[in-house]
Amino acid sequence: MSKYIIVSRLTDDGAKTLKKNPDRIKEVNQELEEIGVKVLEQFFILGEFDFLNIVEADNETAISRAVVELASRGSIRTETFTAVPIDEFIGSLE
């Protein structure tokens, strides 16, 4: 399994949904798990983005499918990064 970082911004519709139903965040996490992406950690952050998620998926196809699913709902916009464990990175330099 590979790890990925997803940062996201709420759209106006997403902010309205979240205000009405804060538990929607955990519902979405469960939906992601059903399509093969496990949320390992999740943070609300201040600044350019609203959320930072550390997730795990089998491959880039699985994570791509998940972010397209999220974006298609119109409630968030995302950016996704591959996370390479530091020991693996150091090993690649040796």
PDB file of N, CA and C in Angstrom:
ATOM      1  N   MET A   1       0.843  -1.183   0.000  1.00  0.00           N
ATOM      2  CA  MET A   1       0.000   0.000   0.000  1.00  0.00           C
ATOM      3  C   MET A   1       0.888   1.245   0.000  1.00  0.00           C
ATOM      4  N   SER A   2       0.490   2.214  -0.769  1.00  0.00           N
ATOM      5  CA  SER A   2       1.206   3.485  -0.833  1.00  0.00           C
ATOM      6  C   SER A   2       0.460   4.535  -0.030  1.00  0.00           C
ATOM      7  N   LYS A   3       1.217   5.519   0.447  1.00  0.00           N
ATOM      8  CA  LYS A   3       0.606   6.612   1.206  1.00  0.00           C
ATOM      9  C   LYS A   3       0.561   7.858   0.332  1.00  0.00           C
ATOM     10  N   TYR A   4      -0.479   8.636   0.562  1.00  0.00           N
ATOM     11  CA  TYR A   4      -0.688   9.867  -0.181  1.00  0.00           C
ATOM     12  C   TYR A   4      -1.129  10.957   0.784  1.00  0.00           C
ATOM     13  N   ILE A   5      -0.835  12.187   0.420  1.00  0.00           N
ATOM     14  CA  ILE A   5      -1.309  13.360   1.151  1.00  0.00           C
ATOM     15  C   ILE A   5      -2.343  14.027   0.250  1.00  0.00           C
ATOM     16  N   ILE A   6      -3.511  14.264   0.801  1.00  0.00           N
ATOM     17  CA  ILE A   6      -4.549  14.999   0.066  1.00  0.00           C
ATOM     18  C   ILE A   6      -4.828  16.276   0.854  1.00  0.00           C
ATOM     19  N   VAL A   7      -4.631  17.416   0.217  1.00  0.00           N
ATOM     20  CA  VAL A   7      -5.045  18.683   0.806  1.00  0.00           C
ATOM     21  C   VAL A   7      -6.270  19.150   0.034  1.00  0.00           C
ATOM     22  N   SER A   8      -7.192  19.753   0.757  1.00  0.00           N
ATOM     23  CA  SER A   8      -8.438  20.140   0.087  1.00  0.00           C
ATOM     24  C   SER A   8      -8.969  21.466   0.612  1.00  0.00           C
ATOM     25  N   ARG A   9      -9.734  22.105  -0.266  1.00  0.00           N
ATOM     26  CA  ARG A   9     -10.437  23.355   0.052  1.00  0.00           C
ATOM     27  C   ARG A   9     -11.926  23.111  -0.096  1.00  0.00           C
ATOM     28  N   LEU A  10     -12.682  23.594   0.850  1.00  0.00           N
ATOM     29  CA  LEU A  10     -14.135  23.520   0.730  1.00  0.00           C
ATOM     30  C   LEU A  10     -14.618  24.516  -0.317  1.00  0.00           C
ATOM     31  N   THR A  11     -15.595  24.120  -1.092  1.00  0.00           N
ATOM     32  CA  THR A  11     -16.305  25.075  -1.952  1.00  0.00           C
ATOM     33  C   THR A  11     -17.381  25.726  -1.093  1.00  0.00           C
ATOM     34  N   ASP A  12     -18.079  26.703  -1.619  1.00  0.00           N
ATOM     35  CA  ASP A  12     -19.176  27.314  -0.858  1.00  0.00           C
ATOM     36  C   ASP A  12     -20.218  26.264  -0.491  1.00  0.00           C
ATOM     37  N   ASP A  13     -20.555  25.393  -1.440  1.00  0.00           N
ATOM     38  CA  ASP A  13     -21.521  24.330  -1.154  1.00  0.00           C
ATOM     39  C   ASP A  13     -20.994  23.370  -0.091  1.00  0.00           C
ATOM     40  N   GLY A  14     -19.715  23.063  -0.155  1.00  0.00           N
ATOM     41  CA  GLY A  14     -19.119  22.179   0.840  1.00  0.00           C
ATOM     42  C   GLY A  14     -19.173  22.771   2.235  1.00  0.00           C
ATOM     43  N   ALA A  15     -18.924  24.067   2.359  1.00  0.00           N
ATOM     44  CA  ALA A  15     -18.979  24.735   3.658  1.00  0.00           C
ATOM     45  C   ALA A  15     -20.405  24.707   4.220  1.00  0.00           C
ATOM     46  N   LYS A  16     -21.381  24.907   3.354  1.00  0.00           N
ATOM     47  CA  LYS A  16     -22.783  24.849   3.797  1.00  0.00           C
ATOM     48  C   LYS A  16     -23.139  23.450   4.283  1.00  0.00           C
ATOM     49  N   THR A  17     -22.712  22.450   3.532  1.00  0.00           N
ATOM     50  CA  THR A  17     -22.984  21.060   3.919  1.00  0.00           C
ATOM     51  C   THR A  17     -22.328  20.739   5.253  1.00  0.00           C
ATOM     52  N   LEU A  18     -21.084  21.142   5.414  1.00  0.00           N
ATOM     53  CA  LEU A  18     -20.348  20.856   6.643  1.00  0.00           C
ATOM     54  C   LEU A  18     -20.968  21.547   7.853  1.00  0.00           C
ATOM     55  N   LYS A  19     -21.427  22.769   7.658  1.00  0.00           N
ATOM     56  CA  LYS A  19     -22.053  23.498   8.770  1.00  0.00           C
ATOM     57  C   LYS A  19     -23.341  22.798   9.215  1.00  0.00           C
ATOM     58  N   LYS A  20     -24.122  22.316   8.244  1.00  0.00           N
ATOM     59  CA  LYS A  20     -25.374  21.614   8.568  1.00  0.00           C
ATOM     60  C   LYS A  20     -25.123  20.244   9.178  1.00  0.00           C
ATOM     61  N   ASN A  21     -24.048  19.565   8.705  1.00  0.00           N
ATOM     62  CA  ASN A  21     -23.807  18.189   9.113  1.00  0.00           C
ATOM     63  C   ASN A  21     -22.305  17.930   9.270  1.00  0.00           C
ATOM     64  N   PRO A  22     -21.725  18.336  10.408  1.00  0.00           N
ATOM     65  CA  PRO A  22     -20.283  18.132  10.611  1.00  0.00           C
ATOM     66  C   PRO A  22     -19.855  16.666  10.525  1.00  0.00           C
ATOM     67  N   ASP A  23     -20.739  15.746  10.858  1.00  0.00           N
ATOM     68  CA  ASP A  23     -20.399  14.325  10.791  1.00  0.00           C
ATOM     69  C   ASP A  23     -20.235  13.840   9.355  1.00  0.00           C
ATOM     70  N   ARG A  24     -20.555  14.672   8.386  1.00  0.00           N
ATOM     71  CA  ARG A  24     -20.396  14.295   6.985  1.00  0.00           C
ATOM     72  C   ARG A  24     -18.942  13.930   6.688  1.00  0.00           C
ATOM     73  N   ILE A  25     -18.024  14.562   7.395  1.00  0.00           N
ATOM     74  CA  ILE A  25     -16.596  14.265   7.190  1.00  0.00           C
ATOM     75  C   ILE A  25     -16.331  12.777   7.408  1.00  0.00           C
ATOM     76  N   LYS A  26     -16.830  12.246   8.513  1.00  0.00           N
ATOM     77  CA  LYS A  26     -16.592  10.830   8.821  1.00  0.00           C
ATOM     78  C   LYS A  26     -17.363   9.915   7.876  1.00  0.00           C
ATOM     79  N   GLU A  27     -18.515  10.365   7.404  1.00  0.00           N
ATOM     80  CA  GLU A  27     -19.272   9.591   6.416  1.00  0.00           C
ATOM     81  C   GLU A  27     -18.470   9.467   5.121  1.00  0.00           C
ATOM     82  N   VAL A  28     -17.841  10.557   4.707  1.00  0.00           N
ATOM     83  CA  VAL A  28     -17.022  10.537   3.488  1.00  0.00           C
ATOM     84  C   VAL A  28     -15.825   9.613   3.685  1.00  0.00           C
ATOM     85  N   ASN A  29     -15.221   9.634   4.869  1.00  0.00           N
ATOM     86  CA  ASN A  29     -14.095   8.735   5.145  1.00  0.00           C
ATOM     87  C   ASN A  29     -14.517   7.276   4.961  1.00  0.00           C
ATOM     88  N   GLN A  30     -15.705   6.940   5.423  1.00  0.00           N
ATOM     89  CA  GLN A  30     -16.213   5.574   5.265  1.00  0.00           C
ATOM     90  C   GLN A  30     -16.444   5.254   3.782  1.00  0.00           C
ATOM     91  N   GLU A  31     -16.978   6.212   3.039  1.00  0.00           N
ATOM     92  CA  GLU A  31     -17.197   6.015   1.602  1.00  0.00           C
ATOM     93  C   GLU A  31     -15.865   5.794   0.882  1.00  0.00           C
ATOM     94  N   LEU A  32     -14.842   6.529   1.279  1.00  0.00           N
ATOM     95  CA  LEU A  32     -13.517   6.347   0.681  1.00  0.00           C
ATOM     96  C   LEU A  32     -12.995   4.940   0.953  1.00  0.00           C
ATOM     97  N   GLU A  33     -13.197   4.483   2.177  1.00  0.00           N
ATOM     98  CA  GLU A  33     -12.724   3.148   2.525  1.00  0.00           C
ATOM     99  C   GLU A  33     -13.406   2.082   1.666  1.00  0.00           C
ATOM    100  N   GLU A  34     -14.676   2.303   1.364  1.00  0.00           N
ATOM    101  CA  GLU A  34     -15.422   1.352   0.537  1.00  0.00           C
ATOM    102  C   GLU A  34     -14.882   1.288  -0.898  1.00  0.00           C
ATOM    103  N   ILE A  35     -14.210   2.354  -1.348  1.00  0.00           N
ATOM    104  CA  ILE A  35     -13.636   2.315  -2.697  1.00  0.00           C
ATOM    105  C   ILE A  35     -12.120   2.108  -2.668  1.00  0.00           C
ATOM    106  N   GLY A  36     -11.588   1.714  -1.500  1.00  0.00           N
ATOM    107  CA  GLY A  36     -10.207   1.290  -1.433  1.00  0.00           C
ATOM    108  C   GLY A  36      -9.188   2.294  -0.930  1.00  0.00           C
ATOM    109  N   VAL A  37      -9.641   3.377  -0.307  1.00  0.00           N
ATOM    110  CA  VAL A  37      -8.720   4.369   0.242  1.00  0.00           C
ATOM    111  C   VAL A  37      -8.976   4.489   1.743  1.00  0.00           C
ATOM    112  N   LYS A  38      -7.945   4.213   2.531  1.00  0.00           N
ATOM    113  CA  LYS A  38      -8.084   4.278   3.981  1.00  0.00           C
ATOM    114  C   LYS A  38      -7.520   5.594   4.502  1.00  0.00           C
ATOM    115  N   VAL A  39      -8.312   6.331   5.255  1.00  0.00           N
ATOM    116  CA  VAL A  39      -7.863   7.575   5.868  1.00  0.00           C
ATOM    117  C   VAL A  39      -7.097   7.208   7.140  1.00  0.00           C
ATOM    118  N   LEU A  40      -5.808   7.519   7.164  1.00  0.00           N
ATOM    119  CA  LEU A  40      -4.966   7.214   8.326  1.00  0.00           C
ATOM    120  C   LEU A  40      -5.007   8.336   9.352  1.00  0.00           C
ATOM    121  N   GLU A  41      -4.914   9.572   8.864  1.00  0.00           N
ATOM    122  CA  GLU A  41      -4.990  10.748   9.729  1.00  0.00           C
ATOM    123  C   GLU A  41      -5.663  11.870   8.965  1.00  0.00           C
ATOM    124  N   GLN A  42      -6.323  12.739   9.734  1.00  0.00           N
ATOM    125  CA  GLN A  42      -7.061  13.835   9.099  1.00  0.00           C
ATOM    126  C   GLN A  42      -6.983  15.052  10.010  1.00  0.00           C
ATOM    127  N   PHE A  43      -6.717  16.203   9.389  1.00  0.00           N
ATOM    128  CA  PHE A  43      -6.572  17.435  10.150  1.00  0.00           C
ATOM    129  C   PHE A  43      -7.349  18.564   9.477  1.00  0.00           C
ATOM    130  N   PHE A  44      -7.956  19.418  10.283  1.00  0.00           N
ATOM    131  CA  PHE A  44      -8.457  20.698   9.795  1.00  0.00           C
ATOM    132  C   PHE A  44      -7.286  21.648   9.952  1.00  0.00           C
ATOM    133  N   ILE A  45      -6.957  22.384   8.899  1.00  0.00           N
ATOM    134  CA  ILE A  45      -5.790  23.259   8.946  1.00  0.00           C
ATOM    135  C   ILE A  45      -6.184  24.689   8.585  1.00  0.00           C
ATOM    136  N   LEU A  46      -5.403  25.623   9.052  1.00  0.00           N
ATOM    137  CA  LEU A  46      -5.624  27.033   8.743  1.00  0.00           C
ATOM    138  C   LEU A  46      -4.669  27.436   7.626  1.00  0.00           C
ATOM    139  N   GLY A  47      -5.135  28.256   6.738  1.00  0.00           N
ATOM    140  CA  GLY A  47      -4.280  28.711   5.638  1.00  0.00           C
ATOM    141  C   GLY A  47      -4.959  28.510   4.309  1.00  0.00           C
ATOM    142  N   GLU A  48      -4.172  28.227   3.295  1.00  0.00           N
ATOM    143  CA  GLU A  48      -4.665  28.099   1.925  1.00  0.00           C
ATOM    144  C   GLU A  48      -5.634  26.927   1.761  1.00  0.00           C
ATOM    145  N   PHE A  49      -5.440  25.867   2.542  1.00  0.00           N
ATOM    146  CA  PHE A  49      -6.290  24.683   2.471  1.00  0.00           C
ATOM    147  C   PHE A  49      -7.086  24.547   3.759  1.00  0.00           C
ATOM    148  N   ASP A  50      -8.141  23.742   3.696  1.00  0.00           N
ATOM    149  CA  ASP A  50      -8.982  23.515   4.870  1.00  0.00           C
ATOM    150  C   ASP A  50      -8.696  22.179   5.561  1.00  0.00           C
ATOM    151  N   PHE A  51      -8.324  21.169   4.777  1.00  0.00           N
ATOM    152  CA  PHE A  51      -8.076  19.843   5.343  1.00  0.00           C
ATOM    153  C   PHE A  51      -6.782  19.260   4.786  1.00  0.00           C
ATOM    154  N   LEU A  52      -6.119  18.474   5.630  1.00  0.00           N
ATOM    155  CA  LEU A  52      -4.971  17.684   5.230  1.00  0.00           C
ATOM    156  C   LEU A  52      -5.268  16.254   5.652  1.00  0.00           C
ATOM    157  N   ASN A  53      -5.211  15.339   4.689  1.00  0.00           N
ATOM    158  CA  ASN A  53      -5.496  13.932   4.947  1.00  0.00           C
ATOM    159  C   ASN A  53      -4.306  13.091   4.552  1.00  0.00           C
ATOM    160  N   ILE A  54      -3.926  12.174   5.415  1.00  0.00           N
ATOM    161  CA  ILE A  54      -2.920  11.174   5.098  1.00  0.00           C
ATOM    162  C   ILE A  54      -3.695   9.885   4.868  1.00  0.00           C
ATOM    163  N   VAL A  55      -3.571   9.356   3.658  1.00  0.00           N
ATOM    164  CA  VAL A  55      -4.365   8.193   3.272  1.00  0.00           C
ATOM    165  C   VAL A  55      -3.466   7.100   2.711  1.00  0.00           C
ATOM    166  N   GLU A  56      -4.044   5.924   2.590  1.00  0.00           N
ATOM    167  CA  GLU A  56      -3.338   4.775   2.046  1.00  0.00           C
ATOM    168  C   GLU A  56      -4.209   4.144   0.974  1.00  0.00           C
ATOM    169  N   ALA A  57      -3.579   3.772  -0.137  1.00  0.00           N
ATOM    170  CA  ALA A  57      -4.298   3.124  -1.233  1.00  0.00           C
ATOM    171  C   ALA A  57      -3.356   2.149  -1.924  1.00  0.00           C
ATOM    172  N   ASP A  58      -3.931   1.205  -2.651  1.00  0.00           N
ATOM    173  CA  ASP A  58      -3.121   0.202  -3.341  1.00  0.00           C
ATOM    174  C   ASP A  58      -2.195   0.802  -4.391  1.00  0.00           C
ATOM    175  N   ASN A  59      -2.694   1.833  -5.087  1.00  0.00           N
ATOM    176  CA  ASN A  59      -1.899   2.378  -6.190  1.00  0.00           C
ATOM    177  C   ASN A  59      -2.462   3.730  -6.609  1.00  0.00           C
ATOM    178  N   GLU A  60      -1.813   4.339  -7.587  1.00  0.00           N
ATOM    179  CA  GLU A  60      -2.230   5.667  -8.044  1.00  0.00           C
ATOM    180  C   GLU A  60      -3.581   5.644  -8.734  1.00  0.00           C
ATOM    181  N   THR A  61      -3.932   4.517  -9.340  1.00  0.00           N
ATOM    182  CA  THR A  61      -5.249   4.413  -9.964  1.00  0.00           C
ATOM    183  C   THR A  61      -6.344   4.506  -8.913  1.00  0.00           C
ATOM    184  N   ALA A  62      -6.159   3.824  -7.794  1.00  0.00           N
ATOM    185  CA  ALA A  62      -7.157   3.841  -6.719  1.00  0.00           C
ATOM    186  C   ALA A  62      -7.311   5.232  -6.123  1.00  0.00           C
ATOM    187  N   ILE A  63      -6.193   5.909  -5.878  1.00  0.00           N
ATOM    188  CA  ILE A  63      -6.283   7.250  -5.288  1.00  0.00           C
ATOM    189  C   ILE A  63      -6.866   8.232  -6.296  1.00  0.00           C
ATOM    190  N   SER A  64      -6.551   8.054  -7.563  1.00  0.00           N
ATOM    191  CA  SER A  64      -7.109   8.925  -8.605  1.00  0.00           C
ATOM    192  C   SER A  64      -8.616   8.776  -8.679  1.00  0.00           C
ATOM    193  N   ARG A  65      -9.076   7.552  -8.641  1.00  0.00           N
ATOM    194  CA  ARG A  65     -10.523   7.292  -8.654  1.00  0.00           C
ATOM    195  C   ARG A  65     -11.204   7.984  -7.472  1.00  0.00           C
ATOM    196  N   ALA A  66     -10.574   7.897  -6.302  1.00  0.00           N
ATOM    197  CA  ALA A  66     -11.164   8.496  -5.098  1.00  0.00           C
ATOM    198  C   ALA A  66     -11.246  10.016  -5.205  1.00  0.00           C
ATOM    199  N   VAL A  67     -10.179  10.668  -5.667  1.00  0.00           N
ATOM    200  CA  VAL A  67     -10.222  12.130  -5.727  1.00  0.00           C
ATOM    201  C   VAL A  67     -11.167  12.628  -6.821  1.00  0.00           C
ATOM    202  N   VAL A  68     -11.307  11.864  -7.894  1.00  0.00           N
ATOM    203  CA  VAL A  68     -12.293  12.241  -8.914  1.00  0.00           C
ATOM    204  C   VAL A  68     -13.703  12.111  -8.339  1.00  0.00           C
ATOM    205  N   GLU A  69     -13.936  11.060  -7.586  1.00  0.00           N
ATOM    206  CA  GLU A  69     -15.245  10.889  -6.931  1.00  0.00           C
ATOM    207  C   GLU A  69     -15.536  12.066  -6.007  1.00  0.00           C
ATOM    208  N   LEU A  70     -14.561  12.450  -5.201  1.00  0.00           N
ATOM    209  CA  LEU A  70     -14.765  13.583  -4.291  1.00  0.00           C
ATOM    210  C   LEU A  70     -15.012  14.883  -5.060  1.00  0.00           C
ATOM    211  N   ALA A  71     -14.206  15.140  -6.069  1.00  0.00           N
ATOM    212  CA  ALA A  71     -14.344  16.382  -6.833  1.00  0.00           C
ATOM    213  C   ALA A  71     -15.676  16.450  -7.572  1.00  0.00           C
ATOM    214  N   SER A  72     -16.178  15.298  -8.012  1.00  0.00           N
ATOM    215  CA  SER A  72     -17.427  15.284  -8.784  1.00  0.00           C
ATOM    216  C   SER A  72     -18.624  15.732  -7.960  1.00  0.00           C
ATOM    217  N   ARG A  73     -18.492  15.718  -6.667  1.00  0.00           N
ATOM    218  CA  ARG A  73     -19.598  16.115  -5.785  1.00  0.00           C
ATOM    219  C   ARG A  73     -19.735  17.630  -5.665  1.00  0.00           C
ATOM    220  N   GLY A  74     -18.671  18.344  -6.019  1.00  0.00           N
ATOM    221  CA  GLY A  74     -18.723  19.801  -6.001  1.00  0.00           C
ATOM    222  C   GLY A  74     -18.537  20.432  -4.637  1.00  0.00           C
ATOM    223  N   SER A  75     -18.170  19.656  -3.625  1.00  0.00           N
ATOM    224  CA  SER A  75     -18.040  20.217  -2.279  1.00  0.00           C
ATOM    225  C   SER A  75     -16.599  20.547  -1.891  1.00  0.00           C
ATOM    226  N   ILE A  76     -15.632  19.963  -2.594  1.00  0.00           N
ATOM    227  CA  ILE A  76     -14.225  20.264  -2.313  1.00  0.00           C
ATOM    228  C   ILE A  76     -13.410  20.244  -3.600  1.00  0.00           C
ATOM    229  N   ARG A  77     -12.240  20.861  -3.518  1.00  0.00           N
ATOM    230  CA  ARG A  77     -11.235  20.800  -4.568  1.00  0.00           C
ATOM    231  C   ARG A  77      -9.972  20.276  -3.902  1.00  0.00           C
ATOM    232  N   THR A  78      -9.291  19.345  -4.544  1.00  0.00           N
ATOM    233  CA  THR A  78      -8.167  18.675  -3.906  1.00  0.00           C
ATOM    234  C   THR A  78      -6.867  18.809  -4.680  1.00  0.00           C
ATOM    235  N   GLU A  79      -5.773  18.594  -3.971  1.00  0.00           N
ATOM    236  CA  GLU A  79      -4.456  18.375  -4.546  1.00  0.00           C
ATOM    237  C   GLU A  79      -3.909  17.149  -3.841  1.00  0.00           C
ATOM    238  N   THR A  80      -3.282  16.257  -4.595  1.00  0.00           N
ATOM    239  CA  THR A  80      -2.816  14.989  -4.041  1.00  0.00           C
ATOM    240  C   THR A  80      -1.322  14.821  -4.303  1.00  0.00           C
ATOM    241  N   PHE A  81      -0.625  14.301  -3.301  1.00  0.00           N
ATOM    242  CA  PHE A  81       0.818  14.092  -3.383  1.00  0.00           C
ATOM    243  C   PHE A  81       1.143  12.673  -2.939  1.00  0.00           C
ATOM    244  N   THR A  82       2.111  12.053  -3.589  1.00  0.00           N
ATOM    245  CA  THR A  82       2.612  10.756  -3.141  1.00  0.00           C
ATOM    246  C   THR A  82       3.557  10.998  -1.966  1.00  0.00           C
ATOM    247  N   ALA A  83       3.413  10.193  -0.917  1.00  0.00           N
ATOM    248  CA  ALA A  83       4.275  10.312   0.261  1.00  0.00           C
ATOM    249  C   ALA A  83       5.215   9.107   0.297  1.00  0.00           C
ATOM    250  N   VAL A  84       6.500   9.370   0.246  1.00  0.00           N
ATOM    251  CA  VAL A  84       7.503   8.306   0.283  1.00  0.00           C
ATOM    252  C   VAL A  84       8.082   8.258   1.704  1.00  0.00           C
ATOM    253  N   PRO A  85       7.973   7.108   2.376  1.00  0.00           N
ATOM    254  CA  PRO A  85       8.555   6.996   3.721  1.00  0.00           C
ATOM    255  C   PRO A  85      10.036   7.378   3.692  1.00  0.00           C
ATOM    256  N   ILE A  86      10.480   8.095   4.712  1.00  0.00           N
ATOM    257  CA  ILE A  86      11.827   8.656   4.699  1.00  0.00           C
ATOM    258  C   ILE A  86      12.906   7.581   4.605  1.00  0.00           C
ATOM    259  N   ASP A  87      12.726   6.444   5.276  1.00  0.00           N
ATOM    260  CA  ASP A  87      13.729   5.377   5.191  1.00  0.00           C
ATOM    261  C   ASP A  87      13.818   4.817   3.782  1.00  0.00           C
ATOM    262  N   GLU A  88      12.681   4.721   3.125  1.00  0.00           N
ATOM    263  CA  GLU A  88      12.664   4.258   1.732  1.00  0.00           C
ATOM    264  C   GLU A  88      13.382   5.264   0.832  1.00  0.00           C
ATOM    265  N   PHE A  89      13.147   6.539   1.089  1.00  0.00           N
ATOM    266  CA  PHE A  89      13.808   7.587   0.314  1.00  0.00           C
ATOM    267  C   PHE A  89      15.325   7.541   0.522  1.00  0.00           C
ATOM    268  N   ILE A  90      15.767   7.439   1.786  1.00  0.00           N
ATOM    269  CA  ILE A  90      17.187   7.386   2.078  1.00  0.00           C
ATOM    270  C   ILE A  90      17.808   6.161   1.400  1.00  0.00           C
ATOM    271  N   GLY A  91      17.122   5.028   1.470  1.00  0.00           N
ATOM    272  CA  GLY A  91      17.606   3.816   0.831  1.00  0.00           C
ATOM    273  C   GLY A  91      17.791   3.974  -0.672  1.00  0.00           C
ATOM    274  N   SER A  92      16.941   4.773  -1.272  1.00  0.00           N
ATOM    275  CA  SER A  92      17.051   4.973  -2.719  1.00  0.00           C
ATOM    276  C   SER A  92      18.278   5.797  -3.097  1.00  0.00           C
ATOM    277  N   LEU A  93      18.830   6.511  -2.127  1.00  0.00           N
ATOM    278  CA  LEU A  93      20.005   7.356  -2.378  1.00  0.00           C
ATOM    279  C   LEU A  93      21.318   6.603  -2.185  1.00  0.00           C
ATOM    280  N   GLU A  94      21.233   5.454  -1.551  1.00  0.00           N
ATOM    281  CA  GLU A  94      22.467   4.709  -1.247  1.00  0.00           C
ATOM    282  C   GLU A  94      22.897   3.847  -2.400  1.00  0.00           C
TER     283      GLU A  94
END
